[in-house]
Amino acid sequence: MDRKMLYMEMTDHLMKDEKPSVYFNNLINEPEFMKYPLSLLRSMRETEQPSVHHPEGNVWNHVLLVLDEASKFKHRSRYPEAFMWAALLHDIGKPATTENKDGKITSYSHDKVGADYSRRFLMELTDDKRLIDAVASLARWHMQPLFALKGMPYADIETMKKEVDPGEIALLSLCDGLGRLDVDRELEKEKMLIFVMKYID
């Protein structure tokens, strides 16, 4: 399939499907996904995650859950198309950054790497610079609510605010948190409310 046509088809499913996961989970098995840049999505299916945080398994399983959560919240986004693409690509940096050392699985800096990878991915499919920039920024900063709430040294809220709408980050981070098996939905919503009240003017 022509990449421009594929981009339009993928966007259509992101924007219209109640459960975009069905389309994308079928699509990833197509031969085209063995080739770059679509292989960047396929590689998420082969990337493990710590079961204590992600009982759903690999990164792709998590992304599919996040997609379906994002479809419920996209009406709250100021830029729904970028929001949905970010839901698909927010963890695209994990395959390149994931390490398993003596059973401890980490993916440090996957947010920073993911910003670059999401930009590269979309540049192969579209020339919509506004969308590409927005998705890359959302991928770059999607971990900030977690970092801030846990008082981690990776938090940089002031720079985040200069580069992206913090409300969009809060919305994406909420879907990221909800996109897991056996999650306490009310607790995730409460944490994001605390983030919004504490860090968003």
C-alpha atoms as a PDB file:
ATOM      1  CA  MET A   1       0.000   0.000   0.000  1.00  0.00           C
ATOM      2  CA  ASP A   2       1.163   3.525  -0.796  1.00  0.00           C
ATOM      3  CA  ARG A   3       2.447   5.156   2.396  1.00  0.00           C
ATOM      4  CA  LYS A   4       0.320   8.270   1.999  1.00  0.00           C
ATOM      5  CA  MET A   5      -2.744   6.076   1.628  1.00  0.00           C
ATOM      6  CA  LEU A   6      -1.687   4.017   4.642  1.00  0.00           C
ATOM      7  CA  TYR A   7      -1.285   7.183   6.700  1.00  0.00           C
ATOM      8  CA  MET A   8      -4.801   8.297   5.764  1.00  0.00           C
ATOM      9  CA  GLU A   9      -6.219   4.868   6.568  1.00  0.00           C
ATOM     10  CA  MET A  10      -4.441   4.691   9.919  1.00  0.00           C
ATOM     11  CA  THR A  11      -5.578   8.202  10.819  1.00  0.00           C
ATOM     12  CA  ASP A  12      -9.141   7.315   9.888  1.00  0.00           C
ATOM     13  CA  HIS A  13      -9.136   4.358  12.273  1.00  0.00           C
ATOM     14  CA  LEU A  14      -7.454   6.382  15.023  1.00  0.00           C
ATOM     15  CA  MET A  15     -10.116   9.048  14.784  1.00  0.00           C
ATOM     16  CA  LYS A  16     -13.252   6.978  14.164  1.00  0.00           C
ATOM     17  CA  ASP A  17     -12.863   3.568  15.788  1.00  0.00           C
ATOM     18  CA  GLU A  18     -14.179   2.949  19.273  1.00  0.00           C
ATOM     19  CA  LYS A  19     -11.417   0.354  19.666  1.00  0.00           C
ATOM     20  CA  PRO A  20      -8.554   1.240  17.309  1.00  0.00           C
ATOM     21  CA  SER A  21      -6.614  -1.674  18.792  1.00  0.00           C
ATOM     22  CA  VAL A  22      -8.530  -4.161  16.619  1.00  0.00           C
ATOM     23  CA  TYR A  23      -7.410  -2.539  13.368  1.00  0.00           C
ATOM     24  CA  PHE A  24      -3.808  -2.004  14.451  1.00  0.00           C
ATOM     25  CA  ASN A  25      -3.375  -5.467  15.915  1.00  0.00           C
ATOM     26  CA  ASN A  26      -4.482  -6.953  12.593  1.00  0.00           C
ATOM     27  CA  LEU A  27      -2.456  -4.490  10.546  1.00  0.00           C
ATOM     28  CA  ILE A  28       0.831  -5.234  12.301  1.00  0.00           C
ATOM     29  CA  ASN A  29       0.841  -8.754  10.844  1.00  0.00           C
ATOM     30  CA  GLU A  30       0.992  -7.450   7.274  1.00  0.00           C
ATOM     31  CA  PRO A  31       4.296  -8.042   5.387  1.00  0.00           C
ATOM     32  CA  GLU A  32       4.775  -4.278   5.008  1.00  0.00           C
ATOM     33  CA  PHE A  33       5.417  -4.093   8.745  1.00  0.00           C
ATOM     34  CA  MET A  34       8.666  -5.960   8.307  1.00  0.00           C
ATOM     35  CA  LYS A  35      10.025  -2.867   6.534  1.00  0.00           C
ATOM     36  CA  TYR A  36      11.089   0.496   7.936  1.00  0.00           C
ATOM     37  CA  PRO A  37       9.434   2.634   9.284  1.00  0.00           C
ATOM     38  CA  LEU A  38       6.530   0.309  10.067  1.00  0.00           C
ATOM     39  CA  SER A  39       8.976  -2.144  11.603  1.00  0.00           C
ATOM     40  CA  LEU A  40       9.324   0.362  14.456  1.00  0.00           C
ATOM     41  CA  LEU A  41       5.781  -0.553  15.477  1.00  0.00           C
ATOM     42  CA  ARG A  42       6.313  -4.269  15.026  1.00  0.00           C
ATOM     43  CA  SER A  43       9.401  -4.189  17.246  1.00  0.00           C
ATOM     44  CA  MET A  44       7.232  -3.106  20.173  1.00  0.00           C
ATOM     45  CA  ARG A  45       5.587  -6.528  20.059  1.00  0.00           C
ATOM     46  CA  GLU A  46       8.977  -8.091  20.757  1.00  0.00           C
ATOM     47  CA  THR A  47       9.891  -5.783  23.659  1.00  0.00           C
ATOM     48  CA  GLU A  48       9.211  -6.969  27.186  1.00  0.00           C
ATOM     49  CA  GLN A  49       8.182  -4.862  30.145  1.00  0.00           C
ATOM     50  CA  PRO A  50       8.353  -5.368  33.930  1.00  0.00           C
ATOM     51  CA  SER A  51       5.314  -7.434  34.879  1.00  0.00           C
ATOM     52  CA  VAL A  52       4.846  -5.574  38.169  1.00  0.00           C
ATOM     53  CA  HIS A  53       3.924  -2.426  36.219  1.00  0.00           C
ATOM     54  CA  HIS A  54       2.705  -4.035  33.021  1.00  0.00           C
ATOM     55  CA  PRO A  55       0.936  -7.349  33.589  1.00  0.00           C
ATOM     56  CA  GLU A  56      -0.426  -7.076  30.038  1.00  0.00           C
ATOM     57  CA  GLY A  57       3.001  -8.099  28.737  1.00  0.00           C
ATOM     58  CA  ASN A  58       4.960  -6.574  25.890  1.00  0.00           C
ATOM     59  CA  VAL A  59       5.002  -2.935  24.795  1.00  0.00           C
ATOM     60  CA  TRP A  60       2.622  -3.553  21.896  1.00  0.00           C
ATOM     61  CA  ASN A  61      -0.017  -5.037  24.213  1.00  0.00           C
ATOM     62  CA  HIS A  62       0.281  -1.919  26.348  1.00  0.00           C
ATOM     63  CA  VAL A  63       0.029   0.424  23.359  1.00  0.00           C
ATOM     64  CA  LEU A  64      -3.145  -1.301  22.169  1.00  0.00           C
ATOM     65  CA  LEU A  65      -4.741  -0.739  25.578  1.00  0.00           C
ATOM     66  CA  VAL A  66      -3.610   2.900  25.587  1.00  0.00           C
ATOM     67  CA  LEU A  67      -5.123   3.398  22.126  1.00  0.00           C
ATOM     68  CA  ASP A  68      -8.524   2.222  23.278  1.00  0.00           C
ATOM     69  CA  GLU A  69      -8.351   4.426  26.368  1.00  0.00           C
ATOM     70  CA  ALA A  70      -7.311   7.413  24.238  1.00  0.00           C
ATOM     71  CA  SER A  71     -10.288   6.865  21.955  1.00  0.00           C
ATOM     72  CA  LYS A  72     -12.529   7.498  24.982  1.00  0.00           C
ATOM     73  CA  PHE A  73     -10.764  10.757  25.866  1.00  0.00           C
ATOM     74  CA  LYS A  74      -9.840  12.267  22.498  1.00  0.00           C
ATOM     75  CA  HIS A  75     -12.857  14.579  22.611  1.00  0.00           C
ATOM     76  CA  ARG A  76     -11.096  16.395  25.476  1.00  0.00           C
ATOM     77  CA  SER A  77      -7.964  17.044  23.440  1.00  0.00           C
ATOM     78  CA  ARG A  78      -7.287  20.362  21.754  1.00  0.00           C
ATOM     79  CA  TYR A  79      -5.663  18.472  18.877  1.00  0.00           C
ATOM     80  CA  PRO A  80      -7.308  15.030  18.728  1.00  0.00           C
ATOM     81  CA  GLU A  81      -5.418  13.790  15.678  1.00  0.00           C
ATOM     82  CA  ALA A  82      -2.009  14.440  17.249  1.00  0.00           C
ATOM     83  CA  PHE A  83      -3.268  13.046  20.549  1.00  0.00           C
ATOM     84  CA  MET A  84      -4.294   9.747  18.950  1.00  0.00           C
ATOM     85  CA  TRP A  85      -1.069   9.427  16.971  1.00  0.00           C
ATOM     86  CA  ALA A  86       0.842  10.077  20.192  1.00  0.00           C
ATOM     87  CA  ALA A  87      -1.125   7.323  21.912  1.00  0.00           C
ATOM     88  CA  LEU A  88       0.110   4.964  19.184  1.00  0.00           C
ATOM     89  CA  LEU A  89       3.713   6.200  19.171  1.00  0.00           C
ATOM     90  CA  HIS A  90       4.393   7.324  22.750  1.00  0.00           C
ATOM     91  CA  ASP A  91       6.461   4.211  23.575  1.00  0.00           C
ATOM     92  CA  ILE A  92       8.092   3.764  20.177  1.00  0.00           C
ATOM     93  CA  GLY A  93      11.445   4.442  21.861  1.00  0.00           C
ATOM     94  CA  LYS A  94      11.205   1.433  24.183  1.00  0.00           C
ATOM     95  CA  PRO A  95      12.597  -1.237  21.829  1.00  0.00           C
ATOM     96  CA  ALA A  96      15.821   0.769  21.433  1.00  0.00           C
ATOM     97  CA  THR A  97      16.195   1.524  25.145  1.00  0.00           C
ATOM     98  CA  THR A  98      14.922  -1.577  26.941  1.00  0.00           C
ATOM     99  CA  GLU A  99      17.486  -3.590  28.888  1.00  0.00           C
ATOM    100  CA  ASN A 100      17.092  -6.691  31.015  1.00  0.00           C
ATOM    101  CA  LYS A 101      19.814  -6.944  33.644  1.00  0.00           C
ATOM    102  CA  ASP A 102      19.440  -9.902  35.963  1.00  0.00           C
ATOM    103  CA  GLY A 103      15.683  -9.845  35.555  1.00  0.00           C
ATOM    104  CA  LYS A 104      15.316  -6.081  36.042  1.00  0.00           C
ATOM    105  CA  ILE A 105      13.772  -4.545  32.941  1.00  0.00           C
ATOM    106  CA  THR A 106      14.335  -0.839  32.305  1.00  0.00           C
ATOM    107  CA  SER A 107      13.744   1.552  29.404  1.00  0.00           C
ATOM    108  CA  TYR A 108      15.504   4.699  30.553  1.00  0.00           C
ATOM    109  CA  SER A 109      15.177   7.716  28.225  1.00  0.00           C
ATOM    110  CA  HIS A 110      12.579   5.988  26.053  1.00  0.00           C
ATOM    111  CA  ASP A 111      10.650   9.259  26.109  1.00  0.00           C
ATOM    112  CA  LYS A 112      13.538  11.210  24.585  1.00  0.00           C
ATOM    113  CA  VAL A 113      14.374   8.503  22.056  1.00  0.00           C
ATOM    114  CA  GLY A 114      10.680   8.119  21.316  1.00  0.00           C
ATOM    115  CA  ALA A 115      10.380  11.785  20.367  1.00  0.00           C
ATOM    116  CA  ASP A 116      13.025  11.276  17.691  1.00  0.00           C
ATOM    117  CA  TYR A 117      11.623   7.950  16.493  1.00  0.00           C
ATOM    118  CA  SER A 118       8.045   9.204  16.306  1.00  0.00           C
ATOM    119  CA  ARG A 119       9.236  12.150  14.243  1.00  0.00           C
ATOM    120  CA  ARG A 120      11.149   9.868  11.870  1.00  0.00           C
ATOM    121  CA  PHE A 121       8.206   7.501  11.627  1.00  0.00           C
ATOM    122  CA  LEU A 122       5.685  10.168  10.709  1.00  0.00           C
ATOM    123  CA  MET A 123       8.028  11.917   8.269  1.00  0.00           C
ATOM    124  CA  GLU A 124       7.946   8.713   6.201  1.00  0.00           C
ATOM    125  CA  LEU A 125       4.150   8.905   5.991  1.00  0.00           C
ATOM    126  CA  THR A 126       3.171  12.576   5.930  1.00  0.00           C
ATOM    127  CA  ASP A 127       4.539  16.066   5.390  1.00  0.00           C
ATOM    128  CA  ASP A 128       2.193  17.595   7.990  1.00  0.00           C
ATOM    129  CA  LYS A 129       4.855  19.392  10.054  1.00  0.00           C
ATOM    130  CA  ARG A 130       2.394  20.672  12.650  1.00  0.00           C
ATOM    131  CA  LEU A 131       1.196  17.151  13.390  1.00  0.00           C
ATOM    132  CA  ILE A 132       4.716  15.704  13.414  1.00  0.00           C
ATOM    133  CA  ASP A 133       5.970  18.358  15.835  1.00  0.00           C
ATOM    134  CA  ALA A 134       2.967  17.909  18.121  1.00  0.00           C
ATOM    135  CA  VAL A 135       3.268  14.124  18.277  1.00  0.00           C
ATOM    136  CA  ALA A 136       7.025  14.254  18.879  1.00  0.00           C
ATOM    137  CA  SER A 137       6.512  16.714  21.746  1.00  0.00           C
ATOM    138  CA  LEU A 138       3.829  14.554  23.332  1.00  0.00           C
ATOM    139  CA  ALA A 139       6.083  11.507  23.117  1.00  0.00           C
ATOM    140  CA  ARG A 140       8.988  13.478  24.563  1.00  0.00           C
ATOM    141  CA  TRP A 141       7.127  14.677  27.650  1.00  0.00           C
ATOM    142  CA  HIS A 142       4.561  11.948  28.323  1.00  0.00           C
ATOM    143  CA  MET A 143       6.462  10.647  31.378  1.00  0.00           C
ATOM    144  CA  GLN A 144       6.589  13.990  33.172  1.00  0.00           C
ATOM    145  CA  PRO A 145       3.492  13.526  35.346  1.00  0.00           C
ATOM    146  CA  LEU A 146       4.937  10.279  36.698  1.00  0.00           C
ATOM    147  CA  PHE A 147       8.363  11.843  37.243  1.00  0.00           C
ATOM    148  CA  ALA A 148       6.894  14.886  38.967  1.00  0.00           C
ATOM    149  CA  LEU A 149       4.486  13.013  41.217  1.00  0.00           C
ATOM    150  CA  LYS A 150       7.245  10.650  42.352  1.00  0.00           C
ATOM    151  CA  GLY A 151       9.728  13.479  42.865  1.00  0.00           C
ATOM    152  CA  MET A 152      12.158  11.947  40.415  1.00  0.00           C
ATOM    153  CA  PRO A 153      15.163  13.928  39.110  1.00  0.00           C
ATOM    154  CA  TYR A 154      13.992  13.490  35.508  1.00  0.00           C
ATOM    155  CA  ALA A 155      11.098  15.896  36.074  1.00  0.00           C
ATOM    156  CA  ASP A 156      11.439  19.173  34.162  1.00  0.00           C
ATOM    157  CA  ILE A 157       8.000  20.730  34.263  1.00  0.00           C
ATOM    158  CA  GLU A 158       9.111  24.241  33.334  1.00  0.00           C
ATOM    159  CA  THR A 159      10.757  23.133  30.087  1.00  0.00           C
ATOM    160  CA  MET A 160       7.801  20.880  29.352  1.00  0.00           C
ATOM    161  CA  LYS A 161       5.427  23.830  29.640  1.00  0.00           C
ATOM    162  CA  LYS A 162       7.492  25.776  27.108  1.00  0.00           C
ATOM    163  CA  GLU A 163       7.354  23.002  24.540  1.00  0.00           C
ATOM    164  CA  VAL A 164       3.911  21.416  24.861  1.00  0.00           C
ATOM    165  CA  ASP A 165       0.440  22.003  26.269  1.00  0.00           C
ATOM    166  CA  PRO A 166       0.639  20.473  29.780  1.00  0.00           C
ATOM    167  CA  GLY A 167      -3.062  19.648  29.624  1.00  0.00           C
ATOM    168  CA  GLU A 168      -2.418  17.418  26.626  1.00  0.00           C
ATOM    169  CA  ILE A 169       0.414  15.711  28.497  1.00  0.00           C
ATOM    170  CA  ALA A 170      -1.859  15.094  31.473  1.00  0.00           C
ATOM    171  CA  LEU A 171      -4.503  13.570  29.197  1.00  0.00           C
ATOM    172  CA  LEU A 172      -2.019  11.315  27.414  1.00  0.00           C
ATOM    173  CA  SER A 173      -0.389  10.300  30.689  1.00  0.00           C
ATOM    174  CA  LEU A 174      -3.786   9.384  32.094  1.00  0.00           C
ATOM    175  CA  CYS A 175      -4.447   7.090  29.143  1.00  0.00           C
ATOM    176  CA  ASP A 176      -0.934   5.688  29.522  1.00  0.00           C
ATOM    177  CA  GLY A 177      -1.665   4.835  33.136  1.00  0.00           C
ATOM    178  CA  LEU A 178      -5.074   3.363  32.354  1.00  0.00           C
ATOM    179  CA  GLY A 179      -3.681   1.288  29.493  1.00  0.00           C
ATOM    180  CA  ARG A 180      -2.653  -1.632  31.692  1.00  0.00           C
ATOM    181  CA  LEU A 181      -4.314  -4.801  32.931  1.00  0.00           C
ATOM    182  CA  ASP A 182      -5.737  -4.895  36.451  1.00  0.00           C
ATOM    183  CA  VAL A 183      -5.307  -1.151  36.866  1.00  0.00           C
ATOM    184  CA  ASP A 184      -7.024   0.861  39.600  1.00  0.00           C
ATOM    185  CA  ARG A 185      -8.815   3.328  37.337  1.00  0.00           C
ATOM    186  CA  GLU A 186      -9.941   5.640  40.119  1.00  0.00           C
ATOM    187  CA  LEU A 187      -6.427   5.841  41.530  1.00  0.00           C
ATOM    188  CA  GLU A 188      -4.995   6.729  38.112  1.00  0.00           C
ATOM    189  CA  LYS A 189      -7.564   9.485  37.673  1.00  0.00           C
ATOM    190  CA  GLU A 190      -6.851  10.776  41.180  1.00  0.00           C
ATOM    191  CA  LYS A 191      -3.102  10.912  40.521  1.00  0.00           C
ATOM    192  CA  MET A 192      -3.617  12.870  37.325  1.00  0.00           C
ATOM    193  CA  LEU A 193      -5.948  15.293  39.084  1.00  0.00           C
ATOM    194  CA  ILE A 194      -3.226  15.915  41.670  1.00  0.00           C
ATOM    195  CA  PHE A 195      -0.724  16.552  38.880  1.00  0.00           C
ATOM    196  CA  VAL A 196      -3.040  19.016  37.170  1.00  0.00           C
ATOM    197  CA  MET A 197      -3.815  20.883  40.379  1.00  0.00           C
ATOM    198  CA  LYS A 198      -0.167  21.009  41.468  1.00  0.00           C
ATOM    199  CA  TYR A 199       1.673  21.683  38.232  1.00  0.00           C
ATOM    200  CA  ILE A 200      -0.730  23.201  35.695  1.00  0.00           C
ATOM    201  CA  ASP A 201      -1.624  26.841  36.146  1.00  0.00           C
END
